[in-house]
Amino acid sequence: MSQQSFRSSAPDNWTQPRPHSDPTLRYMRYGPVQPMDQPGFFARLFGRG
């Protein structure tokens, strides 16, 4: 049997995470934080949510 290994010069995303971004820059790029579940039609209509 032969021993073959795979090597890549590109860094792995798990070992090289993205650097921390400033909250102001993040807001300018993506906008305000959105809720995970959007309120329904009646909740928006009657001001709940």
N, C-alpha and C. Protein backbone atom coordinates (compact mmCIF):
# COMPACT_ATOMS: atom_id res chain seq x y z
N MET A 1 0.83 -1.20 0.00
CA MET A 1 0.00 0.00 0.00
C MET A 1 0.87 1.25 0.00
N SER A 2 0.35 2.29 -0.59
CA SER A 2 1.10 3.54 -0.64
C SER A 2 0.47 4.56 0.30
N GLN A 3 1.31 5.35 0.90
CA GLN A 3 0.84 6.40 1.80
C GLN A 3 0.74 7.69 1.01
N GLN A 4 -0.48 8.15 0.75
CA GLN A 4 -0.67 9.41 0.05
C GLN A 4 -1.31 10.41 0.99
N SER A 5 -0.82 11.62 0.97
CA SER A 5 -1.41 12.68 1.79
C SER A 5 -1.71 13.87 0.90
N PHE A 6 -2.74 14.60 1.29
CA PHE A 6 -3.16 15.78 0.52
C PHE A 6 -2.70 17.02 1.26
N ARG A 7 -2.01 17.89 0.57
CA ARG A 7 -1.57 19.16 1.16
C ARG A 7 -2.08 20.31 0.31
N SER A 8 -2.54 21.33 0.99
CA SER A 8 -3.02 22.52 0.30
C SER A 8 -2.33 23.73 0.90
N SER A 9 -2.04 24.71 0.05
CA SER A 9 -1.40 25.91 0.56
C SER A 9 -2.42 26.91 1.10
N ALA A 10 -3.70 26.69 0.80
CA ALA A 10 -4.74 27.60 1.29
C ALA A 10 -5.05 27.31 2.76
N PRO A 11 -5.20 28.33 3.59
CA PRO A 11 -5.53 28.09 5.00
C PRO A 11 -6.96 27.57 5.14
N ASP A 12 -7.16 26.73 6.12
CA ASP A 12 -8.47 26.16 6.40
C ASP A 12 -9.31 27.19 7.16
N ASN A 13 -10.61 27.26 6.83
CA ASN A 13 -11.48 28.24 7.49
C ASN A 13 -11.68 27.93 8.97
N TRP A 14 -11.54 26.68 9.38
CA TRP A 14 -11.71 26.33 10.79
C TRP A 14 -10.49 26.76 11.60
N THR A 15 -9.33 26.68 11.00
CA THR A 15 -8.12 27.05 11.74
C THR A 15 -7.79 28.52 11.59
N GLN A 16 -8.30 29.17 10.54
CA GLN A 16 -8.04 30.58 10.31
C GLN A 16 -9.38 31.32 10.21
N PRO A 17 -10.05 31.59 11.35
CA PRO A 17 -11.36 32.26 11.27
C PRO A 17 -11.22 33.71 10.82
N ARG A 18 -12.33 34.27 10.40
CA ARG A 18 -12.33 35.68 9.98
C ARG A 18 -12.03 36.59 11.16
N PRO A 19 -11.32 37.67 10.94
CA PRO A 19 -11.03 38.59 12.04
C PRO A 19 -12.30 39.29 12.53
N HIS A 20 -12.26 39.74 13.77
CA HIS A 20 -13.39 40.46 14.36
C HIS A 20 -13.63 41.76 13.62
N SER A 21 -14.88 42.03 13.30
CA SER A 21 -15.20 43.28 12.62
C SER A 21 -15.85 44.24 13.60
N ASP A 22 -15.58 45.50 13.40
CA ASP A 22 -16.11 46.55 14.26
C ASP A 22 -17.64 46.61 14.12
N PRO A 23 -18.39 46.74 15.23
CA PRO A 23 -19.85 46.79 15.13
C PRO A 23 -20.37 47.89 14.21
N THR A 24 -19.70 49.03 14.17
CA THR A 24 -20.15 50.12 13.30
C THR A 24 -20.01 49.74 11.83
N LEU A 25 -18.89 49.12 11.48
CA LEU A 25 -18.69 48.68 10.10
C LEU A 25 -19.68 47.58 9.74
N ARG A 26 -19.95 46.70 10.69
CA ARG A 26 -20.91 45.62 10.45
C ARG A 26 -22.30 46.20 10.22
N TYR A 27 -22.67 47.23 10.98
CA TYR A 27 -23.97 47.88 10.82
C TYR A 27 -24.06 48.57 9.45
N MET A 28 -22.98 49.23 9.04
CA MET A 28 -22.98 49.91 7.75
C MET A 28 -23.12 48.91 6.60
N ARG A 29 -22.56 47.73 6.77
CA ARG A 29 -22.61 46.75 5.69
C ARG A 29 -23.93 45.98 5.66
N TYR A 30 -24.42 45.52 6.81
CA TYR A 30 -25.58 44.63 6.86
C TYR A 30 -26.85 45.27 7.37
N GLY A 31 -26.76 46.47 7.98
CA GLY A 31 -27.95 47.12 8.50
C GLY A 31 -28.24 46.67 9.92
N PRO A 32 -29.37 47.10 10.47
CA PRO A 32 -29.69 46.75 11.86
C PRO A 32 -29.97 45.26 12.01
N VAL A 33 -29.84 44.79 13.24
CA VAL A 33 -30.10 43.38 13.55
C VAL A 33 -31.59 43.10 13.36
N GLN A 34 -31.89 42.03 12.64
CA GLN A 34 -33.27 41.64 12.37
C GLN A 34 -33.67 40.51 13.31
N PRO A 35 -34.92 40.48 13.76
CA PRO A 35 -35.36 39.35 14.59
C PRO A 35 -35.39 38.07 13.76
N MET A 36 -35.20 36.93 14.44
CA MET A 36 -35.17 35.66 13.72
C MET A 36 -36.55 35.29 13.18
N ASP A 37 -37.60 35.61 13.91
CA ASP A 37 -38.94 35.33 13.42
C ASP A 37 -39.67 36.65 13.21
N GLN A 38 -40.05 36.92 11.99
CA GLN A 38 -40.74 38.15 11.66
C GLN A 38 -42.17 38.09 12.19
N PRO A 39 -42.70 39.20 12.72
CA PRO A 39 -44.09 39.19 13.20
C PRO A 39 -45.05 38.99 12.05
N GLY A 40 -46.17 38.36 12.35
CA GLY A 40 -47.18 38.09 11.33
C GLY A 40 -47.94 39.34 10.93
N PHE A 41 -48.89 39.15 10.04
CA PHE A 41 -49.66 40.26 9.49
C PHE A 41 -50.45 40.98 10.59
N PHE A 42 -51.19 40.22 11.42
CA PHE A 42 -52.02 40.85 12.45
C PHE A 42 -51.18 41.47 13.56
N ALA A 43 -50.03 40.89 13.86
CA ALA A 43 -49.15 41.49 14.86
C ALA A 43 -48.63 42.84 14.37
N ARG A 44 -48.31 42.92 13.09
CA ARG A 44 -47.87 44.21 12.53
C ARG A 44 -49.04 45.18 12.46
N LEU A 45 -50.22 44.67 12.12
CA LEU A 45 -51.40 45.52 11.96
C LEU A 45 -51.80 46.16 13.28
N PHE A 46 -51.75 45.37 14.37
CA PHE A 46 -52.18 45.88 15.68
C PHE A 46 -51.02 46.33 16.55
N GLY A 47 -49.80 46.36 16.01
CA GLY A 47 -48.67 46.93 16.72
C GLY A 47 -48.06 46.03 17.74
N ARG A 48 -48.29 44.74 17.68
CA ARG A 48 -47.64 43.81 18.61
C ARG A 48 -46.50 43.12 17.89
N GLY A 49 -45.29 43.28 18.42
CA GLY A 49 -44.17 42.57 17.83
C GLY A 49 -43.23 43.40 17.16
